[in-house]
Amino acid sequence: MSQKPGVVYIFLLLLLLAGCDFMQKQALMQDRYPSYPVDIQQAVKEGQLMKGMDQEQVFLALGSTVCKTTGFYGDKPVEIWSYEKHQEQVAETYAGTYDCLKADFRVYFENGRVIGWEDQ
């Protein structure tokens, strides 16, 4: 019995993307992490957020987001990174509107810096 080639290609692409995230995270931890302030290093190590973190630091603390959108936090226009805390994350390339809606944790950025977050 043969599998459909499309399924195999999608699986391989997802593996490649997951590997890229891992390699990117490893490189950032080696090159950038040591230069962060001690409180940011501790937050990254513990997988926690702090107001003022940049997007690179959030990626290191929380990993890849399932969805990136824009919206409002209060009355401020922001970039929103959505995460799912209880399910495997989907590669950003394949994340769609549904992934944004079912996400149960959101991080809000203004000018590339965390200004807040919320659980759904």
PDB file of N, CA and C in Angstrom:
ATOM      1  N   MET A   1       0.844  -1.173   0.000  1.00  0.00           N
ATOM      2  CA  MET A   1       0.000   0.000   0.000  1.00  0.00           C
ATOM      3  C   MET A   1       0.891   1.239   0.000  1.00  0.00           C
ATOM      4  N   SER A   2       0.643   2.184  -0.874  1.00  0.00           N
ATOM      5  CA  SER A   2       1.480   3.379  -0.956  1.00  0.00           C
ATOM      6  C   SER A   2       0.767   4.568  -0.340  1.00  0.00           C
ATOM      7  N   GLN A   3       1.562   5.438   0.241  1.00  0.00           N
ATOM      8  CA  GLN A   3       1.016   6.666   0.811  1.00  0.00           C
ATOM      9  C   GLN A   3       0.967   7.728  -0.264  1.00  0.00           C
ATOM     10  N   LYS A   4       0.111   8.695  -0.052  1.00  0.00           N
ATOM     11  CA  LYS A   4       0.041   9.818  -0.972  1.00  0.00           C
ATOM     12  C   LYS A   4       1.313  10.649  -0.818  1.00  0.00           C
ATOM     13  N   PRO A   5       1.962  11.015  -1.930  1.00  0.00           N
ATOM     14  CA  PRO A   5       3.218  11.784  -1.840  1.00  0.00           C
ATOM     15  C   PRO A   5       3.044  13.111  -1.099  1.00  0.00           C
ATOM     16  N   GLY A   6       1.905  13.755  -1.233  1.00  0.00           N
ATOM     17  CA  GLY A   6       1.687  15.051  -0.577  1.00  0.00           C
ATOM     18  C   GLY A   6       1.791  14.961   0.929  1.00  0.00           C
ATOM     19  N   VAL A   7       1.261  13.878   1.515  1.00  0.00           N
ATOM     20  CA  VAL A   7       1.310  13.693   2.960  1.00  0.00           C
ATOM     21  C   VAL A   7       2.756  13.545   3.423  1.00  0.00           C
ATOM     22  N   VAL A   8       3.528  12.781   2.677  1.00  0.00           N
ATOM     23  CA  VAL A   8       4.936  12.575   3.023  1.00  0.00           C
ATOM     24  C   VAL A   8       5.697  13.894   2.943  1.00  0.00           C
ATOM     25  N   TYR A   9       5.466  14.672   1.892  1.00  0.00           N
ATOM     26  CA  TYR A   9       6.149  15.958   1.743  1.00  0.00           C
ATOM     27  C   TYR A   9       5.789  16.926   2.860  1.00  0.00           C
ATOM     28  N   ILE A  10       4.530  16.960   3.228  1.00  0.00           N
ATOM     29  CA  ILE A  10       4.099  17.854   4.316  1.00  0.00           C
ATOM     30  C   ILE A  10       4.773  17.434   5.625  1.00  0.00           C
ATOM     31  N   PHE A  11       4.798  16.137   5.887  1.00  0.00           N
ATOM     32  CA  PHE A  11       5.441  15.640   7.106  1.00  0.00           C
ATOM     33  C   PHE A  11       6.918  16.021   7.136  1.00  0.00           C
ATOM     34  N   LEU A  12       7.594  15.816   6.021  1.00  0.00           N
ATOM     35  CA  LEU A  12       9.019  16.165   5.947  1.00  0.00           C
ATOM     36  C   LEU A  12       9.240  17.662   6.121  1.00  0.00           C
ATOM     37  N   LEU A  13       8.376  18.473   5.535  1.00  0.00           N
ATOM     38  CA  LEU A  13       8.486  19.923   5.686  1.00  0.00           C
ATOM     39  C   LEU A  13       8.287  20.337   7.135  1.00  0.00           C
ATOM     40  N   LEU A  14       7.312  19.733   7.817  1.00  0.00           N
ATOM     41  CA  LEU A  14       7.094  20.043   9.234  1.00  0.00           C
ATOM     42  C   LEU A  14       8.308  19.652  10.077  1.00  0.00           C
ATOM     43  N   LEU A  15       8.905  18.516   9.770  1.00  0.00           N
ATOM     44  CA  LEU A  15      10.128  18.121  10.485  1.00  0.00           C
ATOM     45  C   LEU A  15      11.251  19.123  10.248  1.00  0.00           C
ATOM     46  N   LEU A  16      11.400  19.552   9.012  1.00  0.00           N
ATOM     47  CA  LEU A  16      12.429  20.531   8.669  1.00  0.00           C
ATOM     48  C   LEU A  16      12.196  21.844   9.413  1.00  0.00           C
ATOM     49  N   LEU A  17      10.943  22.308   9.437  1.00  0.00           N
ATOM     50  CA  LEU A  17      10.640  23.562  10.134  1.00  0.00           C
ATOM     51  C   LEU A  17      10.897  23.436  11.626  1.00  0.00           C
ATOM     52  N   ALA A  18      10.530  22.299  12.210  1.00  0.00           N
ATOM     53  CA  ALA A  18      10.783  22.083  13.637  1.00  0.00           C
ATOM     54  C   ALA A  18      12.283  22.088  13.905  1.00  0.00           C
ATOM     55  N   GLY A  19      13.048  21.470  13.018  1.00  0.00           N
ATOM     56  CA  GLY A  19      14.503  21.465  13.164  1.00  0.00           C
ATOM     57  C   GLY A  19      15.086  22.854  13.049  1.00  0.00           C
ATOM     58  N   CYS A  20      14.521  23.677  12.154  1.00  0.00           N
ATOM     59  CA  CYS A  20      14.998  25.049  12.000  1.00  0.00           C
ATOM     60  C   CYS A  20      14.771  25.846  13.273  1.00  0.00           C
ATOM     61  N   ASP A  21      13.590  25.685  13.899  1.00  0.00           N
ATOM     62  CA  ASP A  21      13.319  26.370  15.160  1.00  0.00           C
ATOM     63  C   ASP A  21      14.314  25.945  16.227  1.00  0.00           C
ATOM     64  N   PHE A  22      14.588  24.649  16.302  1.00  0.00           N
ATOM     65  CA  PHE A  22      15.526  24.141  17.292  1.00  0.00           C
ATOM     66  C   PHE A  22      16.913  24.731  17.068  1.00  0.00           C
ATOM     67  N   MET A  23      17.343  24.724  15.812  1.00  0.00           N
ATOM     68  CA  MET A  23      18.673  25.251  15.496  1.00  0.00           C
ATOM     69  C   MET A  23      18.743  26.756  15.757  1.00  0.00           C
ATOM     70  N   GLN A  24      17.669  27.475  15.408  1.00  0.00           N
ATOM     71  CA  GLN A  24      17.644  28.915  15.666  1.00  0.00           C
ATOM     72  C   GLN A  24      17.706  29.188  17.165  1.00  0.00           C
ATOM     73  N   LYS A  25      16.949  28.420  17.929  1.00  0.00           N
ATOM     74  CA  LYS A  25      16.931  28.608  19.383  1.00  0.00           C
ATOM     75  C   LYS A  25      18.309  28.311  19.981  1.00  0.00           C
ATOM     76  N   GLN A  26      18.946  27.245  19.521  1.00  0.00           N
ATOM     77  CA  GLN A  26      20.275  26.897  20.024  1.00  0.00           C
ATOM     78  C   GLN A  26      21.285  27.996  19.712  1.00  0.00           C
ATOM     79  N   ALA A  27      21.228  28.528  18.498  1.00  0.00           N
ATOM     80  CA  ALA A  27      22.155  29.592  18.108  1.00  0.00           C
ATOM     81  C   ALA A  27      21.930  30.850  18.955  1.00  0.00           C
ATOM     82  N   LEU A  28      20.675  31.210  19.174  1.00  0.00           N
ATOM     83  CA  LEU A  28      20.371  32.395  19.990  1.00  0.00           C
ATOM     84  C   LEU A  28      20.814  32.194  21.429  1.00  0.00           C
ATOM     85  N   MET A  29      20.616  30.991  21.960  1.00  0.00           N
ATOM     86  CA  MET A  29      21.028  30.726  23.338  1.00  0.00           C
ATOM     87  C   MET A  29      22.545  30.844  23.475  1.00  0.00           C
ATOM     88  N   GLN A  30      23.253  30.450  22.472  1.00  0.00           N
ATOM     89  CA  GLN A  30      24.712  30.525  22.526  1.00  0.00           C
ATOM     90  C   GLN A  30      25.208  31.948  22.284  1.00  0.00           C
ATOM     91  N   ASP A  31      24.621  32.624  21.294  1.00  0.00           N
ATOM     92  CA  ASP A  31      25.144  33.929  20.872  1.00  0.00           C
ATOM     93  C   ASP A  31      24.564  35.114  21.639  1.00  0.00           C
ATOM     94  N   ARG A  32      23.290  35.075  21.948  1.00  0.00           N
ATOM     95  CA  ARG A  32      22.624  36.256  22.497  1.00  0.00           C
ATOM     96  C   ARG A  32      22.291  36.165  23.987  1.00  0.00           C
ATOM     97  N   TYR A  33      21.891  35.001  24.426  1.00  0.00           N
ATOM     98  CA  TYR A  33      21.454  34.817  25.810  1.00  0.00           C
ATOM     99  C   TYR A  33      22.447  35.361  26.838  1.00  0.00           C
ATOM    100  N   PRO A  34      23.750  35.101  26.688  1.00  0.00           N
ATOM    101  CA  PRO A  34      24.699  35.611  27.690  1.00  0.00           C
ATOM    102  C   PRO A  34      24.701  37.138  27.829  1.00  0.00           C
ATOM    103  N   SER A  35      24.264  37.859  26.796  1.00  0.00           N
ATOM    104  CA  SER A  35      24.276  39.321  26.862  1.00  0.00           C
ATOM    105  C   SER A  35      23.011  39.905  27.488  1.00  0.00           C
ATOM    106  N   TYR A  36      22.009  39.068  27.769  1.00  0.00           N
ATOM    107  CA  TYR A  36      20.770  39.566  28.368  1.00  0.00           C
ATOM    108  C   TYR A  36      20.996  39.920  29.837  1.00  0.00           C
ATOM    109  N   PRO A  37      20.237  40.885  30.357  1.00  0.00           N
ATOM    110  CA  PRO A  37      20.291  41.154  31.800  1.00  0.00           C
ATOM    111  C   PRO A  37      19.919  39.878  32.578  1.00  0.00           C
ATOM    112  N   VAL A  38      20.405  39.770  33.795  1.00  0.00           N
ATOM    113  CA  VAL A  38      20.206  38.573  34.610  1.00  0.00           C
ATOM    114  C   VAL A  38      18.723  38.240  34.788  1.00  0.00           C
ATOM    115  N   ASP A  39      17.874  39.252  35.000  1.00  0.00           N
ATOM    116  CA  ASP A  39      16.454  38.963  35.201  1.00  0.00           C
ATOM    117  C   ASP A  39      15.804  38.403  33.924  1.00  0.00           C
ATOM    118  N   ILE A  40      16.236  38.853  32.767  1.00  0.00           N
ATOM    119  CA  ILE A  40      15.730  38.322  31.499  1.00  0.00           C
ATOM    120  C   ILE A  40      16.246  36.891  31.309  1.00  0.00           C
ATOM    121  N   GLN A  41      17.519  36.639  31.619  1.00  0.00           N
ATOM    122  CA  GLN A  41      18.064  35.282  31.521  1.00  0.00           C
ATOM    123  C   GLN A  41      17.249  34.314  32.381  1.00  0.00           C
ATOM    124  N   GLN A  42      16.946  34.733  33.597  1.00  0.00           N
ATOM    125  CA  GLN A  42      16.191  33.874  34.516  1.00  0.00           C
ATOM    126  C   GLN A  42      14.782  33.610  33.977  1.00  0.00           C
ATOM    127  N   ALA A  43      14.135  34.635  33.447  1.00  0.00           N
ATOM    128  CA  ALA A  43      12.789  34.465  32.883  1.00  0.00           C
ATOM    129  C   ALA A  43      12.819  33.510  31.694  1.00  0.00           C
ATOM    130  N   VAL A  44      13.792  33.670  30.808  1.00  0.00           N
ATOM    131  CA  VAL A  44      13.925  32.778  29.648  1.00  0.00           C
ATOM    132  C   VAL A  44      14.137  31.347  30.130  1.00  0.00           C
ATOM    133  N   LYS A  45      15.034  31.163  31.080  1.00  0.00           N
ATOM    134  CA  LYS A  45      15.338  29.828  31.599  1.00  0.00           C
ATOM    135  C   LYS A  45      14.093  29.163  32.183  1.00  0.00           C
ATOM    136  N   GLU A  46      13.240  29.956  32.834  1.00  0.00           N
ATOM    137  CA  GLU A  46      12.042  29.415  33.476  1.00  0.00           C
ATOM    138  C   GLU A  46      10.827  29.388  32.553  1.00  0.00           C
ATOM    139  N   GLY A  47      10.976  29.880  31.320  1.00  0.00           N
ATOM    140  CA  GLY A  47       9.847  29.901  30.390  1.00  0.00           C
ATOM    141  C   GLY A  47       8.791  30.912  30.792  1.00  0.00           C
ATOM    142  N   GLN A  48       9.225  32.014  31.397  1.00  0.00           N
ATOM    143  CA  GLN A  48       8.329  33.057  31.882  1.00  0.00           C
ATOM    144  C   GLN A  48       8.465  34.317  31.030  1.00  0.00           C
ATOM    145  N   LEU A  49       7.465  35.182  31.123  1.00  0.00           N
ATOM    146  CA  LEU A  49       7.488  36.466  30.429  1.00  0.00           C
ATOM    147  C   LEU A  49       7.737  37.604  31.397  1.00  0.00           C
ATOM    148  N   MET A  50       8.276  38.689  30.854  1.00  0.00           N
ATOM    149  CA  MET A  50       8.430  39.939  31.593  1.00  0.00           C
ATOM    150  C   MET A  50       8.062  41.070  30.647  1.00  0.00           C
ATOM    151  N   LYS A  51       7.415  42.084  31.173  1.00  0.00           N
ATOM    152  CA  LYS A  51       7.170  43.260  30.344  1.00  0.00           C
ATOM    153  C   LYS A  51       8.512  43.830  29.912  1.00  0.00           C
ATOM    154  N   GLY A  52       8.574  44.268  28.653  1.00  0.00           N
ATOM    155  CA  GLY A  52       9.796  44.830  28.117  1.00  0.00           C
ATOM    156  C   GLY A  52      10.652  43.839  27.342  1.00  0.00           C
ATOM    157  N   MET A  53      10.361  42.534  27.476  1.00  0.00           N
ATOM    158  CA  MET A  53      11.118  41.551  26.692  1.00  0.00           C
ATOM    159  C   MET A  53      10.931  41.837  25.214  1.00  0.00           C
ATOM    160  N   ASP A  54      11.972  41.540  24.412  1.00  0.00           N
ATOM    161  CA  ASP A  54      11.807  41.671  22.969  1.00  0.00           C
ATOM    162  C   ASP A  54      11.319  40.339  22.388  1.00  0.00           C
ATOM    163  N   GLN A  55      11.018  40.324  21.107  1.00  0.00           N
ATOM    164  CA  GLN A  55      10.439  39.139  20.477  1.00  0.00           C
ATOM    165  C   GLN A  55      11.408  37.954  20.479  1.00  0.00           C
ATOM    166  N   GLU A  56      12.672  38.221  20.336  1.00  0.00           N
ATOM    167  CA  GLU A  56      13.672  37.153  20.391  1.00  0.00           C
ATOM    168  C   GLU A  56      13.658  36.478  21.755  1.00  0.00           C
ATOM    169  N   GLN A  57      13.583  37.254  22.817  1.00  0.00           N
ATOM    170  CA  GLN A  57      13.569  36.718  24.171  1.00  0.00           C
ATOM    171  C   GLN A  57      12.299  35.912  24.432  1.00  0.00           C
ATOM    172  N   VAL A  58      11.170  36.357  23.892  1.00  0.00           N
ATOM    173  CA  VAL A  58       9.917  35.610  24.038  1.00  0.00           C
ATOM    174  C   VAL A  58      10.017  34.282  23.292  1.00  0.00           C
ATOM    175  N   PHE A  59      10.580  34.302  22.094  1.00  0.00           N
ATOM    176  CA  PHE A  59      10.786  33.054  21.347  1.00  0.00           C
ATOM    177  C   PHE A  59      11.625  32.080  22.160  1.00  0.00           C
ATOM    178  N   LEU A  60      12.676  32.569  22.793  1.00  0.00           N
ATOM    179  CA  LEU A  60      13.519  31.691  23.599  1.00  0.00           C
ATOM    180  C   LEU A  60      12.784  31.168  24.831  1.00  0.00           C
ATOM    181  N   ALA A  61      11.930  31.988  25.415  1.00  0.00           N
ATOM    182  CA  ALA A  61      11.203  31.581  26.621  1.00  0.00           C
ATOM    183  C   ALA A  61      10.041  30.652  26.312  1.00  0.00           C
ATOM    184  N   LEU A  62       9.297  30.940  25.237  1.00  0.00           N
ATOM    185  CA  LEU A  62       8.056  30.205  24.981  1.00  0.00           C
ATOM    186  C   LEU A  62       8.087  29.318  23.744  1.00  0.00           C
ATOM    187  N   GLY A  63       9.048  29.535  22.864  1.00  0.00           N
ATOM    188  CA  GLY A  63       9.100  28.761  21.631  1.00  0.00           C
ATOM    189  C   GLY A  63       8.309  29.422  20.520  1.00  0.00           C
ATOM    190  N   SER A  64       8.064  28.638  19.481  1.00  0.00           N
ATOM    191  CA  SER A  64       7.354  29.148  18.307  1.00  0.00           C
ATOM    192  C   SER A  64       5.885  29.389  18.624  1.00  0.00           C
ATOM    193  N   THR A  65       5.354  30.421  18.026  1.00  0.00           N
ATOM    194  CA  THR A  65       3.950  30.756  18.176  1.00  0.00           C
ATOM    195  C   THR A  65       3.135  30.018  17.114  1.00  0.00           C
ATOM    196  N   VAL A  66       1.871  29.720  17.416  1.00  0.00           N
ATOM    197  CA  VAL A  66       1.012  29.089  16.411  1.00  0.00           C
ATOM    198  C   VAL A  66       0.441  30.114  15.456  1.00  0.00           C
ATOM    199  N   CYS A  67       0.499  31.391  15.851  1.00  0.00           N
ATOM    200  CA  CYS A  67      -0.142  32.422  15.035  1.00  0.00           C
ATOM    201  C   CYS A  67       0.392  33.797  15.423  1.00  0.00           C
ATOM    202  N   LYS A  68       0.639  34.620  14.417  1.00  0.00           N
ATOM    203  CA  LYS A  68       1.010  36.022  14.638  1.00  0.00           C
ATOM    204  C   LYS A  68      -0.021  36.869  13.908  1.00  0.00           C
ATOM    205  N   THR A  69      -0.622  37.811  14.638  1.00  0.00           N
ATOM    206  CA  THR A  69      -1.622  38.704  14.052  1.00  0.00           C
ATOM    207  C   THR A  69      -1.397  40.108  14.582  1.00  0.00           C
ATOM    208  N   THR A  70      -2.209  41.020  14.117  1.00  0.00           N
ATOM    209  CA  THR A  70      -2.232  42.371  14.680  1.00  0.00           C
ATOM    210  C   THR A  70      -3.619  42.614  15.241  1.00  0.00           C
ATOM    211  N   GLY A  71      -3.693  43.515  16.178  1.00  0.00           N
ATOM    212  CA  GLY A  71      -4.971  43.834  16.812  1.00  0.00           C
ATOM    213  C   GLY A  71      -4.766  44.968  17.786  1.00  0.00           C
ATOM    214  N   PHE A  72      -5.566  44.955  18.838  1.00  0.00           N
ATOM    215  CA  PHE A  72      -5.492  46.013  19.845  1.00  0.00           C
ATOM    216  C   PHE A  72      -5.362  45.407  21.234  1.00  0.00           C
ATOM    217  N   TYR A  73      -4.602  46.079  22.061  1.00  0.00           N
ATOM    218  CA  TYR A  73      -4.484  45.770  23.484  1.00  0.00           C
ATOM    219  C   TYR A  73      -4.910  47.047  24.180  1.00  0.00           C
ATOM    220  N   GLY A  74      -6.110  47.022  24.733  1.00  0.00           N
ATOM    221  CA  GLY A  74      -6.707  48.277  25.167  1.00  0.00           C
ATOM    222  C   GLY A  74      -6.968  49.101  23.927  1.00  0.00           C
ATOM    223  N   ASP A  75      -6.424  50.297  23.873  1.00  0.00           N
ATOM    224  CA  ASP A  75      -6.598  51.143  22.687  1.00  0.00           C
ATOM    225  C   ASP A  75      -5.327  51.211  21.839  1.00  0.00           C
ATOM    226  N   LYS A  76      -4.330  50.385  22.168  1.00  0.00           N
ATOM    227  CA  LYS A  76      -3.055  50.425  21.451  1.00  0.00           C
ATOM    228  C   LYS A  76      -3.028  49.386  20.328  1.00  0.00           C
ATOM    229  N   PRO A  77      -2.603  49.781  19.129  1.00  0.00           N
ATOM    230  CA  PRO A  77      -2.390  48.778  18.080  1.00  0.00           C
ATOM    231  C   PRO A  77      -1.145  47.955  18.426  1.00  0.00           C
ATOM    232  N   VAL A  78      -1.266  46.626  18.336  1.00  0.00           N
ATOM    233  CA  VAL A  78      -0.191  45.737  18.766  1.00  0.00           C
ATOM    234  C   VAL A  78      -0.040  44.564  17.813  1.00  0.00           C
ATOM    235  N   GLU A  79       1.120  43.893  17.918  1.00  0.00           N
ATOM    236  CA  GLU A  79       1.305  42.587  17.309  1.00  0.00           C
ATOM    237  C   GLU A  79       0.981  41.554  18.381  1.00  0.00           C
ATOM    238  N   ILE A  80       0.276  40.507  17.993  1.00  0.00           N
ATOM    239  CA  ILE A  80      -0.164  39.485  18.937  1.00  0.00           C
ATOM    240  C   ILE A  80       0.433  38.136  18.534  1.00  0.00           C
ATOM    241  N   TRP A  81       1.112  37.497  19.476  1.00  0.00           N
ATOM    242  CA  TRP A  81       1.600  36.140  19.271  1.00  0.00           C
ATOM    243  C   TRP A  81       0.698  35.230  20.087  1.00  0.00           C
ATOM    244  N   SER A  82       0.126  34.233  19.441  1.00  0.00           N
ATOM    245  CA  SER A  82      -0.783  33.300  20.103  1.00  0.00           C
ATOM    246  C   SER A  82      -0.114  31.946  20.276  1.00  0.00           C
ATOM    247  N   TYR A  83      -0.385  31.342  21.425  1.00  0.00           N
ATOM    248  CA  TYR A  83       0.190  30.039  21.765  1.00  0.00           C
ATOM    249  C   TYR A  83      -0.912  29.103  22.237  1.00  0.00           C
ATOM    250  N   GLU A  84      -0.659  27.814  22.069  1.00  0.00           N
ATOM    251  CA  GLU A  84      -1.509  26.794  22.672  1.00  0.00           C
ATOM    252  C   GLU A  84      -0.689  26.121  23.746  1.00  0.00           C
ATOM    253  N   LYS A  85      -1.196  26.160  24.952  1.00  0.00           N
ATOM    254  CA  LYS A  85      -0.435  25.618  26.072  1.00  0.00           C
ATOM    255  C   LYS A  85      -0.621  24.114  26.235  1.00  0.00           C
ATOM    256  N   HIS A  86      -1.697  23.561  25.700  1.00  0.00           N
ATOM    257  CA  HIS A  86      -2.023  22.162  25.998  1.00  0.00           C
ATOM    258  C   HIS A  86      -1.992  21.241  24.784  1.00  0.00           C
ATOM    259  N   GLN A  87      -1.557  21.741  23.643  1.00  0.00           N
ATOM    260  CA  GLN A  87      -1.474  20.909  22.451  1.00  0.00           C
ATOM    261  C   GLN A  87      -0.164  21.195  21.747  1.00  0.00           C
ATOM    262  N   GLU A  88       0.242  20.287  20.863  1.00  0.00           N
ATOM    263  CA  GLU A  88       1.451  20.525  20.093  1.00  0.00           C
ATOM    264  C   GLU A  88       1.272  21.755  19.235  1.00  0.00           C
ATOM    265  N   GLN A  89       2.330  22.540  19.121  1.00  0.00           N
ATOM    266  CA  GLN A  89       2.262  23.739  18.304  1.00  0.00           C
ATOM    267  C   GLN A  89       2.366  23.372  16.836  1.00  0.00           C
ATOM    268  N   VAL A  90       1.701  24.148  16.001  1.00  0.00           N
ATOM    269  CA  VAL A  90       1.714  23.953  14.564  1.00  0.00           C
ATOM    270  C   VAL A  90       2.748  24.899  13.983  1.00  0.00           C
ATOM    271  N   ALA A  91       3.493  24.453  12.993  1.00  0.00           N
ATOM    272  CA  ALA A  91       4.470  25.333  12.346  1.00  0.00           C
ATOM    273  C   ALA A  91       3.754  26.572  11.840  1.00  0.00           C
ATOM    274  N   GLU A  92       4.360  27.730  12.047  1.00  0.00           N
ATOM    275  CA  GLU A  92       3.733  28.997  11.701  1.00  0.00           C
ATOM    276  C   GLU A  92       3.278  29.043  10.244  1.00  0.00           C
ATOM    277  N   THR A  93       4.019  28.409   9.348  1.00  0.00           N
ATOM    278  CA  THR A  93       3.678  28.422   7.938  1.00  0.00           C
ATOM    279  C   THR A  93       2.298  27.830   7.695  1.00  0.00           C
ATOM    280  N   TYR A  94       1.897  26.859   8.505  1.00  0.00           N
ATOM    281  CA  TYR A  94       0.627  26.181   8.296  1.00  0.00           C
ATOM    282  C   TYR A  94      -0.458  26.658   9.239  1.00  0.00           C
ATOM    283  N   ALA A  95      -0.141  27.567  10.119  1.00  0.00           N
ATOM    284  CA  ALA A  95      -1.138  28.073  11.051  1.00  0.00           C
ATOM    285  C   ALA A  95      -2.134  28.938  10.299  1.00  0.00           C
ATOM    286  N   GLY A  96      -3.383  28.758  10.620  1.00  0.00           N
ATOM    287  CA  GLY A  96      -4.425  29.532   9.962  1.00  0.00           C
ATOM    288  C   GLY A  96      -5.252  30.280  10.973  1.00  0.00           C
ATOM    289  N   THR A  97      -6.340  30.842  10.506  1.00  0.00           N
ATOM    290  CA  THR A  97      -7.223  31.615  11.374  1.00  0.00           C
ATOM    291  C   THR A  97      -7.723  30.765  12.531  1.00  0.00           C
ATOM    292  N   TYR A  98      -8.046  29.503  12.274  1.00  0.00           N
ATOM    293  CA  TYR A  98      -8.540  28.639  13.339  1.00  0.00           C
ATOM    294  C   TYR A  98      -7.510  28.505  14.447  1.00  0.00           C
ATOM    295  N   ASP A  99      -6.239  28.379  14.087  1.00  0.00           N
ATOM    296  CA  ASP A  99      -5.191  28.280  15.100  1.00  0.00           C
ATOM    297  C   ASP A  99      -5.147  29.531  15.964  1.00  0.00           C
ATOM    298  N   CYS A 100      -5.388  30.686  15.364  1.00  0.00           N
ATOM    299  CA  CYS A 100      -5.421  31.931  16.132  1.00  0.00           C
ATOM    300  C   CYS A 100      -6.589  31.928  17.107  1.00  0.00           C
ATOM    301  N   LEU A 101      -7.725  31.447  16.660  1.00  0.00           N
ATOM    302  CA  LEU A 101      -8.931  31.466  17.489  1.00  0.00           C
ATOM    303  C   LEU A 101      -8.877  30.463  18.631  1.00  0.00           C
ATOM    304  N   LYS A 102      -8.277  29.287  18.403  1.00  0.00           N
ATOM    305  CA  LYS A 102      -8.276  28.276  19.453  1.00  0.00           C
ATOM    306  C   LYS A 102      -7.106  28.428  20.423  1.00  0.00           C
ATOM    307  N   ALA A 103      -6.189  29.331  20.131  1.00  0.00           N
ATOM    308  CA  ALA A 103      -5.051  29.556  21.021  1.00  0.00           C
ATOM    309  C   ALA A 103      -5.554  30.031  22.385  1.00  0.00           C
ATOM    310  N   ASP A 104      -4.903  29.557  23.442  1.00  0.00           N
ATOM    311  CA  ASP A 104      -5.375  29.900  24.785  1.00  0.00           C
ATOM    312  C   ASP A 104      -4.422  30.810  25.561  1.00  0.00           C
ATOM    313  N   PHE A 105      -3.406  31.332  24.886  1.00  0.00           N
ATOM    314  CA  PHE A 105      -2.472  32.249  25.525  1.00  0.00           C
ATOM    315  C   PHE A 105      -1.982  33.230  24.478  1.00  0.00           C
ATOM    316  N   ARG A 106      -2.008  34.519  24.811  1.00  0.00           N
ATOM    317  CA  ARG A 106      -1.589  35.547  23.868  1.00  0.00           C
ATOM    318  C   ARG A 106      -0.592  36.502  24.510  1.00  0.00           C
ATOM    319  N   VAL A 107       0.392  36.905  23.696  1.00  0.00           N
ATOM    320  CA  VAL A 107       1.397  37.874  24.130  1.00  0.00           C
ATOM    321  C   VAL A 107       1.253  39.093  23.233  1.00  0.00           C
ATOM    322  N   TYR A 108       1.255  40.297  23.834  1.00  0.00           N
ATOM    323  CA  TYR A 108       1.035  41.539  23.105  1.00  0.00           C
ATOM    324  C   TYR A 108       2.320  42.359  23.055  1.00  0.00           C
ATOM    325  N   PHE A 109       2.675  42.769  21.829  1.00  0.00           N
ATOM    326  CA  PHE A 109       3.896  43.538  21.604  1.00  0.00           C
ATOM    327  C   PHE A 109       3.566  44.915  21.049  1.00  0.00           C
ATOM    328  N   GLU A 110       4.211  45.925  21.591  1.00  0.00           N
ATOM    329  CA  GLU A 110       4.175  47.276  21.037  1.00  0.00           C
ATOM    330  C   GLU A 110       5.620  47.643  20.718  1.00  0.00           C
ATOM    331  N   ASN A 111       5.867  48.009  19.476  1.00  0.00           N
ATOM    332  CA  ASN A 111       7.227  48.327  19.022  1.00  0.00           C
ATOM    333  C   ASN A 111       8.213  47.215  19.345  1.00  0.00           C
ATOM    334  N   GLY A 112       7.777  45.955  19.189  1.00  0.00           N
ATOM    335  CA  GLY A 112       8.659  44.810  19.379  1.00  0.00           C
ATOM    336  C   GLY A 112       8.926  44.416  20.815  1.00  0.00           C
ATOM    337  N   ARG A 113       8.238  45.058  21.776  1.00  0.00           N
ATOM    338  CA  ARG A 113       8.449  44.761  23.201  1.00  0.00           C
ATOM    339  C   ARG A 113       7.144  44.324  23.855  1.00  0.00           C
ATOM    340  N   VAL A 114       7.234  43.369  24.789  1.00  0.00           N
ATOM    341  CA  VAL A 114       6.059  42.865  25.491  1.00  0.00           C
ATOM    342  C   VAL A 114       5.456  43.975  26.345  1.00  0.00           C
ATOM    343  N   ILE A 115       4.146  44.173  26.137  1.00  0.00           N
ATOM    344  CA  ILE A 115       3.423  45.111  27.002  1.00  0.00           C
ATOM    345  C   ILE A 115       2.358  44.395  27.839  1.00  0.00           C
ATOM    346  N   GLY A 116       2.117  43.127  27.529  1.00  0.00           N
ATOM    347  CA  GLY A 116       1.156  42.353  28.309  1.00  0.00           C
ATOM    348  C   GLY A 116       0.905  40.989  27.706  1.00  0.00           C
ATOM    349  N   TRP A 117       0.156  40.155  28.446  1.00  0.00           N
ATOM    350  CA  TRP A 117      -0.220  38.827  27.987  1.00  0.00           C
ATOM    351  C   TRP A 117      -1.467  38.407  28.731  1.00  0.00           C
ATOM    352  N   GLU A 118      -2.131  37.370  28.195  1.00  0.00           N
ATOM    353  CA  GLU A 118      -3.334  36.885  28.868  1.00  0.00           C
ATOM    354  C   GLU A 118      -3.608  35.433  28.505  1.00  0.00           C
ATOM    355  N   ASP A 119      -4.165  34.711  29.498  1.00  0.00           N
ATOM    356  CA  ASP A 119      -4.681  33.358  29.290  1.00  0.00           C
ATOM    357  C   ASP A 119      -6.121  33.481  28.858  1.00  0.00           C
ATOM    358  N   GLN A 120      -6.534  32.570  28.032  1.00  0.00           N
ATOM    359  CA  GLN A 120      -7.942  32.551  27.609  1.00  0.00           C
ATOM    360  C   GLN A 120      -8.713  31.561  28.429  1.00  0.00           C
TER     361      GLN A 120
END
